[in-house]
N, C-alpha and C. Protein backbone atom coordinates (compact mmCIF):
# COMPACT_ATOMS: atom_id res chain seq x y z
N UNK A 1 97.57 98.65 113.10
CA UNK A 1 97.09 100.01 113.03
C UNK A 1 95.59 100.00 113.23
N UNK A 2 95.14 100.80 114.18
CA UNK A 2 93.71 100.94 114.40
C UNK A 2 93.22 102.25 113.82
N UNK A 3 92.07 102.20 113.19
CA UNK A 3 91.53 103.43 112.60
C UNK A 3 91.25 104.47 113.67
N UNK A 4 90.90 104.04 114.89
CA UNK A 4 90.63 104.99 115.96
C UNK A 4 91.83 105.87 116.24
N UNK A 5 93.00 105.26 116.37
CA UNK A 5 94.22 106.04 116.61
C UNK A 5 94.57 106.90 115.41
N UNK A 6 94.33 106.37 114.23
CA UNK A 6 94.63 107.14 113.01
C UNK A 6 93.76 108.38 112.93
N UNK A 7 92.45 108.20 113.14
CA UNK A 7 91.55 109.35 113.04
C UNK A 7 91.78 110.34 114.18
N UNK A 8 92.15 109.84 115.37
CA UNK A 8 92.49 110.75 116.46
C UNK A 8 93.70 111.60 116.07
N UNK A 9 94.71 110.95 115.48
CA UNK A 9 95.90 111.69 115.06
C UNK A 9 95.57 112.70 113.98
N UNK A 10 94.70 112.34 113.06
CA UNK A 10 94.34 113.23 111.96
C UNK A 10 93.39 114.34 112.38
N UNK A 11 92.81 114.23 113.57
CA UNK A 11 91.82 115.22 114.01
C UNK A 11 92.44 116.57 114.38
N UNK A 12 93.74 116.59 114.62
CA UNK A 12 94.39 117.83 115.04
C UNK A 12 95.02 118.54 113.84
N UNK A 13 94.70 119.82 113.64
CA UNK A 13 95.25 120.55 112.49
C UNK A 13 96.79 120.62 112.48
N UNK A 14 97.41 120.72 113.64
CA UNK A 14 98.87 120.79 113.69
C UNK A 14 99.48 119.47 113.20
N UNK A 15 98.87 118.35 113.57
CA UNK A 15 99.38 117.06 113.11
C UNK A 15 99.17 116.89 111.61
N UNK A 16 98.06 117.39 111.10
CA UNK A 16 97.85 117.34 109.64
C UNK A 16 98.89 118.20 108.93
N UNK A 17 99.22 119.34 109.52
CA UNK A 17 100.26 120.20 108.94
C UNK A 17 101.62 119.52 108.96
N UNK A 18 101.92 118.80 110.03
CA UNK A 18 103.18 118.04 110.12
C UNK A 18 103.23 116.99 109.02
N UNK A 19 102.13 116.29 108.80
CA UNK A 19 102.09 115.28 107.74
C UNK A 19 102.30 115.93 106.37
N UNK A 20 101.73 117.10 106.17
CA UNK A 20 101.94 117.81 104.90
C UNK A 20 103.40 118.17 104.69
N UNK A 21 104.06 118.60 105.76
CA UNK A 21 105.49 118.90 105.68
C UNK A 21 106.29 117.66 105.30
N UNK A 22 105.94 116.54 105.92
CA UNK A 22 106.69 115.30 105.68
C UNK A 22 106.44 114.72 104.29
N UNK A 23 105.43 115.21 103.61
CA UNK A 23 105.18 114.78 102.23
C UNK A 23 106.36 115.14 101.35
N UNK A 24 107.07 116.20 101.73
CA UNK A 24 108.23 116.66 100.96
C UNK A 24 109.49 115.84 101.22
N UNK A 25 109.49 115.05 102.30
CA UNK A 25 110.66 114.23 102.63
C UNK A 25 110.92 114.21 104.12
N UNK A 26 111.94 113.48 104.51
CA UNK A 26 112.22 113.31 105.93
C UNK A 26 112.71 114.60 106.57
N UNK A 27 112.36 114.74 107.85
CA UNK A 27 112.75 115.94 108.59
C UNK A 27 113.02 115.55 110.04
N UNK A 28 113.90 116.31 110.68
CA UNK A 28 114.13 116.14 112.11
C UNK A 28 113.05 116.89 112.87
N UNK A 29 112.92 116.59 114.16
CA UNK A 29 111.93 117.29 114.98
C UNK A 29 112.21 118.79 114.99
N UNK A 30 113.49 119.17 115.02
CA UNK A 30 113.85 120.58 114.99
C UNK A 30 113.44 121.26 113.70
N UNK A 31 113.63 120.57 112.59
CA UNK A 31 113.22 121.12 111.29
C UNK A 31 111.70 121.28 111.23
N UNK A 32 111.00 120.30 111.76
CA UNK A 32 109.53 120.39 111.80
C UNK A 32 109.11 121.55 112.70
N UNK A 33 109.72 121.63 113.88
CA UNK A 33 109.38 122.66 114.84
C UNK A 33 109.60 124.07 114.33
N UNK A 34 110.54 124.24 113.41
CA UNK A 34 110.83 125.57 112.86
C UNK A 34 109.64 126.13 112.09
N UNK A 35 108.71 125.28 111.70
CA UNK A 35 107.55 125.72 110.93
C UNK A 35 106.36 126.11 111.83
N UNK A 36 106.51 125.94 113.13
CA UNK A 36 105.40 126.16 114.06
C UNK A 36 105.80 127.08 115.20
N UNK A 37 104.83 127.71 115.79
CA UNK A 37 105.03 128.51 116.99
C UNK A 37 104.64 127.65 118.20
N UNK A 38 105.43 126.59 118.43
CA UNK A 38 105.18 125.64 119.52
C UNK A 38 106.49 125.30 120.20
N UNK A 39 106.39 124.84 121.42
CA UNK A 39 107.59 124.38 122.12
C UNK A 39 108.05 123.06 121.53
N UNK A 40 109.29 122.71 121.79
CA UNK A 40 109.82 121.43 121.36
C UNK A 40 109.04 120.27 121.97
N UNK A 41 108.61 120.46 123.21
CA UNK A 41 107.84 119.41 123.88
C UNK A 41 106.49 119.17 123.19
N UNK A 42 105.88 120.24 122.71
CA UNK A 42 104.60 120.11 122.02
C UNK A 42 104.79 119.41 120.67
N UNK A 43 105.84 119.77 119.96
CA UNK A 43 106.14 119.08 118.69
C UNK A 43 106.38 117.60 118.95
N UNK A 44 107.15 117.29 119.99
CA UNK A 44 107.43 115.88 120.34
C UNK A 44 106.15 115.13 120.66
N UNK A 45 105.23 115.80 121.35
CA UNK A 45 103.95 115.18 121.68
C UNK A 45 103.18 114.83 120.39
N UNK A 46 103.10 115.78 119.47
CA UNK A 46 102.40 115.54 118.21
C UNK A 46 103.06 114.42 117.41
N UNK A 47 104.38 114.40 117.38
CA UNK A 47 105.09 113.34 116.66
C UNK A 47 104.85 111.98 117.30
N UNK A 48 104.76 111.96 118.62
CA UNK A 48 104.48 110.70 119.34
C UNK A 48 103.10 110.16 118.95
N UNK A 49 102.10 111.03 118.86
CA UNK A 49 100.75 110.63 118.47
C UNK A 49 100.75 110.11 117.03
N UNK A 50 101.45 110.80 116.14
CA UNK A 50 101.52 110.38 114.74
C UNK A 50 102.24 109.03 114.60
N UNK A 51 103.29 108.86 115.40
CA UNK A 51 104.04 107.60 115.36
C UNK A 51 103.19 106.45 115.90
N UNK A 52 102.49 106.70 116.99
CA UNK A 52 101.62 105.68 117.58
C UNK A 52 100.53 105.24 116.61
N UNK A 53 100.04 106.18 115.81
CA UNK A 53 99.01 105.89 114.82
C UNK A 53 99.58 105.23 113.57
N UNK A 54 100.91 105.14 113.50
CA UNK A 54 101.54 104.52 112.34
C UNK A 54 101.64 105.44 111.14
N UNK A 55 101.39 106.73 111.33
CA UNK A 55 101.41 107.66 110.21
C UNK A 55 102.81 108.16 109.87
N UNK A 56 103.74 108.02 110.81
CA UNK A 56 105.13 108.41 110.54
C UNK A 56 106.07 107.32 111.03
N UNK A 57 107.22 107.26 110.38
CA UNK A 57 108.32 106.39 110.80
C UNK A 57 109.37 107.26 111.46
N UNK A 58 110.11 106.66 112.38
CA UNK A 58 111.20 107.35 113.07
C UNK A 58 112.50 106.62 112.76
N UNK A 59 113.51 107.36 112.34
CA UNK A 59 114.82 106.79 112.06
C UNK A 59 115.88 107.56 112.83
N UNK A 60 116.74 106.86 113.55
CA UNK A 60 117.80 107.51 114.32
C UNK A 60 119.10 107.47 113.54
N UNK A 61 119.74 108.64 113.45
CA UNK A 61 121.05 108.75 112.82
C UNK A 61 121.91 109.65 113.70
N UNK A 62 122.93 109.07 114.28
CA UNK A 62 123.82 109.79 115.21
C UNK A 62 122.99 110.45 116.30
N UNK A 63 123.04 111.77 116.41
CA UNK A 63 122.32 112.48 117.46
C UNK A 63 120.94 112.98 117.02
N UNK A 64 120.48 112.56 115.86
CA UNK A 64 119.23 113.08 115.32
C UNK A 64 118.21 111.97 115.11
N UNK A 65 116.96 112.35 115.22
CA UNK A 65 115.84 111.46 114.88
C UNK A 65 115.14 112.11 113.71
N UNK A 66 114.97 111.35 112.66
CA UNK A 66 114.29 111.85 111.47
C UNK A 66 112.93 111.17 111.34
N UNK A 67 111.98 111.92 110.84
CA UNK A 67 110.62 111.43 110.66
C UNK A 67 110.26 111.43 109.19
N UNK A 68 109.59 110.37 108.76
CA UNK A 68 109.12 110.26 107.38
C UNK A 68 107.65 109.82 107.39
N UNK A 69 106.95 110.20 106.36
CA UNK A 69 105.54 109.86 106.21
C UNK A 69 105.39 108.38 105.86
N UNK A 70 104.48 107.70 106.53
CA UNK A 70 104.17 106.31 106.21
C UNK A 70 102.96 106.32 105.27
N UNK A 71 103.24 106.31 103.99
CA UNK A 71 102.16 106.43 103.01
C UNK A 71 101.27 105.20 102.96
N UNK A 72 101.75 104.04 103.41
CA UNK A 72 100.91 102.84 103.36
C UNK A 72 99.70 102.97 104.28
N UNK A 73 99.85 103.62 105.43
CA UNK A 73 98.71 103.82 106.33
C UNK A 73 97.74 104.81 105.71
N UNK A 74 98.25 105.86 105.11
CA UNK A 74 97.40 106.83 104.43
C UNK A 74 96.61 106.14 103.32
N UNK A 75 97.29 105.30 102.55
CA UNK A 75 96.62 104.57 101.47
C UNK A 75 95.55 103.63 102.01
N UNK A 76 95.83 102.98 103.14
CA UNK A 76 94.85 102.07 103.74
C UNK A 76 93.59 102.82 104.17
N UNK A 77 93.77 103.99 104.76
CA UNK A 77 92.62 104.81 105.18
C UNK A 77 91.84 105.26 103.95
N UNK A 78 92.55 105.69 102.91
CA UNK A 78 91.88 106.14 101.69
C UNK A 78 91.10 104.99 101.04
N UNK A 79 91.67 103.81 101.04
CA UNK A 79 90.99 102.65 100.48
C UNK A 79 89.71 102.36 101.26
N UNK A 80 89.81 102.39 102.58
CA UNK A 80 88.64 102.12 103.42
C UNK A 80 87.55 103.17 103.16
N UNK A 81 87.94 104.44 103.09
CA UNK A 81 86.96 105.50 102.83
C UNK A 81 86.33 105.33 101.45
N UNK A 82 87.13 104.93 100.48
CA UNK A 82 86.63 104.70 99.13
C UNK A 82 85.62 103.55 99.12
N UNK A 83 85.91 102.48 99.86
CA UNK A 83 84.99 101.35 99.94
C UNK A 83 83.71 101.74 100.68
N UNK A 84 83.86 102.57 101.69
CA UNK A 84 82.71 103.03 102.45
C UNK A 84 81.78 103.85 101.57
N UNK A 85 82.37 104.71 100.77
CA UNK A 85 81.60 105.55 99.85
C UNK A 85 80.93 104.70 98.78
N UNK A 86 81.66 103.70 98.30
CA UNK A 86 81.15 102.85 97.24
C UNK A 86 81.32 103.52 95.90
N UNK A 87 81.43 102.70 94.88
CA UNK A 87 81.60 103.26 93.54
C UNK A 87 80.43 102.93 92.63
N UNK A 88 79.39 102.31 93.20
CA UNK A 88 78.19 102.02 92.43
C UNK A 88 78.26 100.76 91.60
N UNK A 89 79.37 100.01 91.66
CA UNK A 89 79.48 98.81 90.84
C UNK A 89 79.07 97.55 91.59
N UNK A 90 78.94 97.63 92.91
CA UNK A 90 78.58 96.45 93.69
C UNK A 90 77.06 96.31 93.76
N UNK A 91 76.60 95.07 93.62
CA UNK A 91 75.16 94.82 93.74
C UNK A 91 74.76 94.99 95.20
N UNK A 92 73.55 95.47 95.40
CA UNK A 92 73.06 95.65 96.76
C UNK A 92 72.75 94.30 97.36
N UNK A 93 72.99 94.18 98.68
CA UNK A 93 72.67 92.95 99.39
C UNK A 93 71.18 92.82 99.55
N UNK A 94 70.70 91.58 99.51
CA UNK A 94 69.25 91.33 99.67
C UNK A 94 68.91 91.08 101.10
């Protein structure tokens, strides 16, 4: 997972909204699309970007593809941001 792809995926409000939906549990592309005024192709494009960034998992069951949030990538980004911010306990380098 590269942070560049992750931040690119997170830069779009629609993709952030998709991630918020997936926080509630797995959903099919159709279920996700029902929450937006977008074509199926546009939803698929956003899901492809999220999947490429490692932010979502894809699971196939019969004729459906379900998407779930990959919380480990979110946690990794949060950890990196936390380290970047610093918590004041580390001594400064000389």
